[in-house]
Amino acid sequence: MDARQVQRHFVAVMAKHLPPSASSLDLLDLDGDSGLLLAESRADLRIRHLSEDRLAAVPLKPDSFDAAVAYDIDLRDEALRNILLALRPGGRLIALLSRGAVDESHPRLLSDNGYVRILVEPALDGLGILLRGEKAHVTADTAQRIQSVAQSDADSLDLASYRGPYLHLLIQQQPNIPAWKRKPADKIAWRAAAIQRGDAPALLAFSSLPKAVAFLQPAALSGTIKDINKVGKFRRENWTFPAILNPRPDLLPGETITMVDIDPATAEAPDE
């Protein structure tokens, strides 16, 4: 396996740690390759490349990036502090070193430079080091955190003119078991929440995962929508079902909620 193939495998590990975002994810790429490789499987990335040695020279707008990625870069204190400033609250630094072993200096490096919710672990089959740290949220309230990201996308968009790469649907999965517990004989069925409009149901669709969760939270608490246990992510370009994009929760009173069968195989890999 050549070096490029190895890097692809490691970058695939990094992709699993990208944070939930609005319909587009603003990414700071510090090595010049990771962003391009991530973009091959993530149509929602808006990438800016800026090498570590230019971080201090090029002013970055505070709170402007959802994530920063760095592959095989020995990040220094000044660079880590500049990256933290540029991340939005809850934004993540995801760094991967293809050589070396985890030791106590790695989490301490992130902690000393202001990162929280730190994760340091072997990257892939015991090889390499994955480092992940977040910029602290401004609130401890999870619902408020979700709402703050969800507000980046407009309410009640016109599906015909929507140019985002993905749609997110509220899914009822049966049986409701995680992938690691499934047996070969288990048949997974998905149904998506919709509003009955005449003869044709209109699916409740969202431009991002936070937008979907921000809608679902009050609807589930009020009992208006029940038994939703998953948010499915689908490519917009493949979508043909009638849908209401980014509906507001006050749309639901007086409406009839129905469920529409959806093929799980048409979904993208889930976000974290």
Protein backbone atom coordinates (compact mmCIF):
# COMPACT_ATOMS: atom_id res chain seq x y z
CA MET A 1 0.00 0.00 0.00
CA ASP A 2 1.53 3.33 -1.04
CA ALA A 3 1.57 6.54 1.04
CA ARG A 4 -1.46 8.03 -0.74
CA GLN A 5 -3.58 4.95 -0.05
CA VAL A 6 -2.52 5.03 3.60
CA GLN A 7 -3.51 8.69 3.80
CA ARG A 8 -6.93 7.93 2.31
CA HIS A 9 -7.60 5.36 5.03
CA PHE A 10 -6.54 7.78 7.76
CA VAL A 11 -8.59 10.65 6.31
CA ALA A 12 -11.64 8.34 6.27
CA VAL A 13 -11.13 8.01 10.04
CA MET A 14 -11.00 11.81 10.34
CA ALA A 15 -14.27 12.11 8.39
CA LYS A 16 -16.13 10.22 11.12
CA HIS A 17 -15.27 12.98 13.60
CA LEU A 18 -16.54 15.97 11.62
CA PRO A 19 -19.20 17.76 13.70
CA PRO A 20 -22.86 18.15 12.76
CA SER A 21 -23.25 21.40 10.86
CA ALA A 22 -25.68 23.52 8.92
CA SER A 23 -26.31 22.61 5.27
CA SER A 24 -22.67 23.48 4.47
CA LEU A 25 -19.67 22.72 6.66
CA ASP A 26 -16.90 25.35 6.70
CA LEU A 27 -13.60 23.51 6.90
CA LEU A 28 -10.11 24.85 7.57
CA ASP A 29 -7.58 22.52 5.91
CA LEU A 30 -4.08 22.86 7.39
CA ASP A 31 -2.22 20.32 5.26
CA GLY A 32 -3.62 20.92 1.78
CA ASP A 33 -4.69 17.33 1.10
CA SER A 34 -7.19 16.29 3.75
CA GLY A 35 -9.88 18.71 2.59
CA LEU A 36 -9.66 17.50 -1.00
CA LEU A 37 -9.91 13.86 0.06
CA LEU A 38 -12.83 14.60 2.40
CA ALA A 39 -14.62 16.46 -0.40
CA GLU A 40 -14.70 13.26 -2.47
CA SER A 41 -17.33 11.88 -0.11
CA ARG A 42 -18.74 15.07 1.48
CA ALA A 43 -20.55 17.35 -0.95
CA ASP A 44 -21.31 19.89 1.79
CA LEU A 45 -17.76 21.09 2.45
CA ARG A 46 -16.62 24.67 1.92
CA ILE A 47 -12.86 24.41 2.24
CA ARG A 48 -10.18 26.98 2.95
CA HIS A 49 -6.57 25.85 2.90
CA LEU A 50 -4.16 27.71 5.13
CA SER A 51 -0.86 26.17 6.16
CA GLU A 52 0.18 26.23 9.81
CA ASP A 53 3.03 28.69 9.20
CA ARG A 54 0.59 31.23 7.72
CA LEU A 55 -1.98 31.04 10.52
CA ALA A 56 -0.42 33.91 12.44
CA ALA A 57 0.07 36.06 9.32
CA VAL A 58 -3.44 35.72 7.84
CA PRO A 59 -6.22 37.01 10.12
CA LEU A 60 -9.15 34.62 10.42
CA LYS A 61 -12.61 35.72 11.43
CA PRO A 62 -13.42 34.41 14.91
CA ASP A 63 -16.11 31.69 15.16
CA SER A 64 -16.06 31.15 11.38
CA PHE A 65 -15.18 27.44 10.89
CA ASP A 66 -17.07 24.30 11.85
CA ALA A 67 -13.91 22.17 11.82
CA ALA A 68 -10.18 22.22 11.15
CA VAL A 69 -8.25 19.19 9.90
CA ALA A 70 -4.53 18.50 9.99
CA TYR A 71 -2.77 15.41 8.67
CA ASP A 72 0.81 14.69 9.78
CA ILE A 73 1.39 18.22 11.05
CA ASP A 74 3.17 18.85 14.34
CA LEU A 75 0.88 21.62 15.59
CA ARG A 76 2.51 24.15 17.90
CA ASP A 77 0.94 26.19 20.68
CA GLU A 78 0.47 29.40 18.69
CA ALA A 79 -1.17 27.54 15.80
CA LEU A 80 -3.50 25.67 18.15
CA ARG A 81 -4.62 28.92 19.77
CA ASN A 82 -5.24 30.58 16.38
CA ILE A 83 -7.27 27.57 15.20
CA LEU A 84 -9.35 27.65 18.39
CA LEU A 85 -10.15 31.31 17.85
CA ALA A 86 -11.33 30.61 14.29
CA LEU A 87 -13.59 27.69 15.28
CA ARG A 88 -17.24 28.32 16.13
CA PRO A 89 -18.45 27.21 19.57
CA GLY A 90 -18.62 23.42 19.36
CA GLY A 91 -16.30 23.41 16.34
CA ARG A 92 -13.64 20.73 16.21
CA LEU A 93 -9.97 20.34 15.50
CA ILE A 94 -9.32 16.89 14.05
CA ALA A 95 -5.66 16.01 13.71
CA LEU A 96 -4.05 12.73 12.70
CA LEU A 97 -0.45 11.63 12.99
CA SER A 98 0.30 8.55 10.92
CA ARG A 99 3.23 7.54 13.16
CA GLY A 100 3.78 7.36 16.88
CA ALA A 101 1.83 6.13 19.88
CA VAL A 102 -0.61 7.81 22.23
CA ASP A 103 0.84 9.22 25.43
CA GLU A 104 -0.22 11.73 28.07
CA SER A 105 1.41 14.66 26.24
CA HIS A 106 -1.22 14.59 23.48
CA PRO A 107 -4.36 15.41 25.50
CA ARG A 108 -2.33 17.84 27.62
CA LEU A 109 -1.26 19.74 24.48
CA LEU A 110 -4.90 20.34 23.51
CA SER A 111 -6.05 21.05 27.05
CA ASP A 112 -3.27 23.58 27.69
CA ASN A 113 -4.36 25.50 24.58
CA GLY A 114 -8.02 25.77 25.56
CA TYR A 115 -9.68 22.76 23.89
CA VAL A 116 -12.42 20.75 25.63
CA ARG A 117 -14.11 17.37 25.07
CA ILE A 118 -10.74 15.99 24.06
CA LEU A 119 -10.38 12.57 22.44
CA VAL A 120 -6.97 10.98 21.81
CA GLU A 121 -6.79 7.39 20.59
CA PRO A 122 -5.01 5.08 18.13
CA ALA A 123 -6.27 6.06 14.70
CA LEU A 124 -6.66 2.83 12.76
CA ASP A 125 -6.07 -0.76 13.88
CA GLY A 126 -3.66 0.48 16.52
CA LEU A 127 -1.70 2.63 14.06
CA GLY A 128 -1.19 6.38 14.25
CA ILE A 129 -2.75 8.90 16.61
CA LEU A 130 -6.11 10.64 16.30
CA LEU A 131 -6.49 13.88 18.26
CA ARG A 132 -9.81 15.68 18.56
CA GLY A 133 -10.68 18.74 20.59
CA GLU A 134 -13.57 21.21 20.60
CA LYS A 135 -14.05 24.89 21.24
CA ALA A 136 -16.22 25.28 24.32
CA HIS A 137 -19.91 25.99 23.80
CA VAL A 138 -21.30 29.24 25.15
CA THR A 139 -24.15 27.36 26.86
CA ALA A 140 -24.47 24.04 28.69
CA ASP A 141 -28.00 23.59 27.34
CA THR A 142 -27.91 20.97 24.56
CA ALA A 143 -31.14 22.22 22.99
CA GLN A 144 -29.74 25.74 22.76
CA ARG A 145 -26.55 24.41 21.18
CA ILE A 146 -28.55 22.65 18.48
CA GLN A 147 -30.70 25.70 17.88
CA SER A 148 -27.64 27.94 17.45
CA VAL A 149 -26.31 25.77 14.60
CA ALA A 150 -29.78 25.23 13.12
CA GLN A 151 -30.31 28.98 12.83
CA SER A 152 -27.63 29.09 10.13
CA ASP A 153 -30.20 27.62 7.71
CA ALA A 154 -33.38 29.47 6.80
CA ASP A 155 -36.86 28.19 7.68
CA SER A 156 -39.44 27.09 5.09
CA LEU A 157 -37.15 26.96 2.06
CA ASP A 158 -38.47 26.20 -1.40
CA LEU A 159 -37.36 22.66 -2.24
CA ALA A 160 -37.26 23.42 -5.98
CA SER A 161 -34.69 26.19 -5.49
CA TYR A 162 -32.71 24.53 -2.69
CA ARG A 163 -29.11 23.94 -3.78
CA GLY A 164 -27.78 22.22 -0.68
CA PRO A 165 -26.27 18.74 -1.17
CA TYR A 166 -28.36 16.78 1.34
CA LEU A 167 -31.84 16.29 2.74
CA HIS A 168 -32.41 14.92 6.24
CA LEU A 169 -35.57 12.98 7.08
CA LEU A 170 -37.15 11.95 10.39
CA ILE A 171 -36.99 8.17 10.38
CA GLN A 172 -38.78 5.46 12.33
CA GLN A 173 -36.58 2.36 12.15
CA GLN A 174 -37.88 -1.11 12.92
CA PRO A 175 -36.45 -3.03 14.63
CA ASN A 176 -34.74 -0.23 16.57
CA ILE A 177 -31.37 -1.89 17.11
CA PRO A 178 -27.86 -0.53 16.45
CA ALA A 179 -25.85 -1.83 13.52
CA TRP A 180 -23.40 -3.71 15.75
CA LYS A 181 -26.25 -5.80 17.25
CA ARG A 182 -27.89 -6.76 13.97
CA LYS A 183 -27.89 -10.32 12.76
CA PRO A 184 -27.83 -11.33 9.07
CA ALA A 185 -31.49 -12.37 9.33
CA ASP A 186 -32.63 -9.00 10.67
CA LYS A 187 -34.61 -7.02 8.12
CA ILE A 188 -34.44 -3.27 8.70
CA ALA A 189 -37.41 -1.15 7.65
CA TRP A 190 -37.47 2.65 7.49
CA ARG A 191 -40.47 4.97 7.43
CA ALA A 192 -40.16 8.74 7.16
CA ALA A 193 -42.46 11.30 8.82
CA ALA A 194 -44.71 13.25 6.45
CA ILE A 195 -47.79 15.45 6.41
CA GLN A 196 -50.79 14.19 4.47
CA ARG A 197 -51.65 16.76 1.79
CA GLY A 198 -54.57 15.49 -0.29
CA ASP A 199 -53.64 12.20 -1.92
CA ALA A 200 -49.87 12.75 -1.74
CA PRO A 201 -47.93 12.89 1.54
CA ALA A 202 -45.26 15.58 1.79
CA LEU A 203 -42.16 14.47 3.68
CA LEU A 204 -40.78 16.64 6.47
CA ALA A 205 -37.28 17.36 5.13
CA PHE A 206 -34.40 19.41 6.52
CA SER A 207 -31.26 20.97 5.12
CA SER A 208 -29.06 19.80 8.00
CA LEU A 209 -28.97 17.43 10.96
CA PRO A 210 -29.20 20.27 13.54
CA LYS A 211 -32.21 21.67 11.66
CA ALA A 212 -33.95 18.29 11.85
CA VAL A 213 -33.19 17.81 15.56
CA ALA A 214 -34.25 21.38 16.41
CA PHE A 215 -37.63 20.67 14.79
CA LEU A 216 -38.01 17.21 16.33
CA GLN A 217 -37.28 18.15 19.95
CA PRO A 218 -40.44 20.22 20.61
CA ALA A 219 -42.58 17.98 18.38
CA ALA A 220 -41.54 14.87 20.33
CA LEU A 221 -41.98 16.55 23.72
CA SER A 222 -45.50 17.62 22.82
CA GLY A 223 -46.36 14.16 21.45
CA THR A 224 -47.13 15.56 17.99
CA ILE A 225 -44.59 13.21 16.40
CA LYS A 226 -43.87 9.88 18.05
CA ASP A 227 -41.42 6.98 17.74
CA ILE A 228 -38.81 8.73 15.60
CA ASN A 229 -35.48 7.11 16.41
CA LYS A 230 -33.20 8.20 13.59
CA VAL A 231 -32.40 11.04 11.19
CA GLY A 232 -31.60 9.78 7.70
CA LYS A 233 -29.33 11.71 5.33
CA PHE A 234 -29.97 11.58 1.57
CA ARG A 235 -28.40 13.23 -1.47
CA ARG A 236 -30.61 16.01 -2.81
CA GLU A 237 -29.76 15.19 -6.43
CA ASN A 238 -31.41 11.76 -6.14
CA TRP A 239 -34.62 12.99 -4.48
CA THR A 240 -38.05 12.83 -6.16
CA PHE A 241 -40.56 12.64 -3.26
CA PRO A 242 -42.72 15.71 -2.51
CA ALA A 243 -41.31 17.38 0.60
CA ILE A 244 -41.63 20.43 2.84
CA LEU A 245 -38.14 21.78 3.49
CA ASN A 246 -37.27 23.16 6.94
CA PRO A 247 -40.84 23.40 8.23
CA ARG A 248 -41.44 25.31 11.45
CA PRO A 249 -42.85 23.39 14.45
CA ASP A 250 -46.01 25.55 14.38
CA LEU A 251 -46.88 23.89 11.04
CA LEU A 252 -47.95 20.69 12.81
CA PRO A 253 -51.09 21.55 14.80
CA GLY A 254 -54.15 20.46 12.85
CA GLU A 255 -52.11 18.41 10.35
CA THR A 256 -52.26 14.64 9.91
CA ILE A 257 -48.90 12.96 10.42
CA THR A 258 -48.31 9.91 8.25
CA MET A 259 -45.33 7.65 7.56
CA VAL A 260 -43.81 6.86 4.16
CA ASP A 261 -41.70 3.77 3.38
CA ILE A 262 -38.08 4.65 2.57
CA ASP A 263 -35.30 2.35 1.36
CA PRO A 264 -32.42 2.50 3.91
CA ALA A 265 -29.95 1.64 1.15
CA THR A 266 -30.52 5.06 -0.45
CA ALA A 267 -29.20 6.91 2.62
CA GLU A 268 -25.70 8.30 3.06
CA ALA A 269 -23.42 7.22 5.88
CA PRO A 270 -24.72 8.80 9.11
CA ASP A 271 -23.24 11.87 10.73
CA GLU A 272 -21.95 11.55 14.26
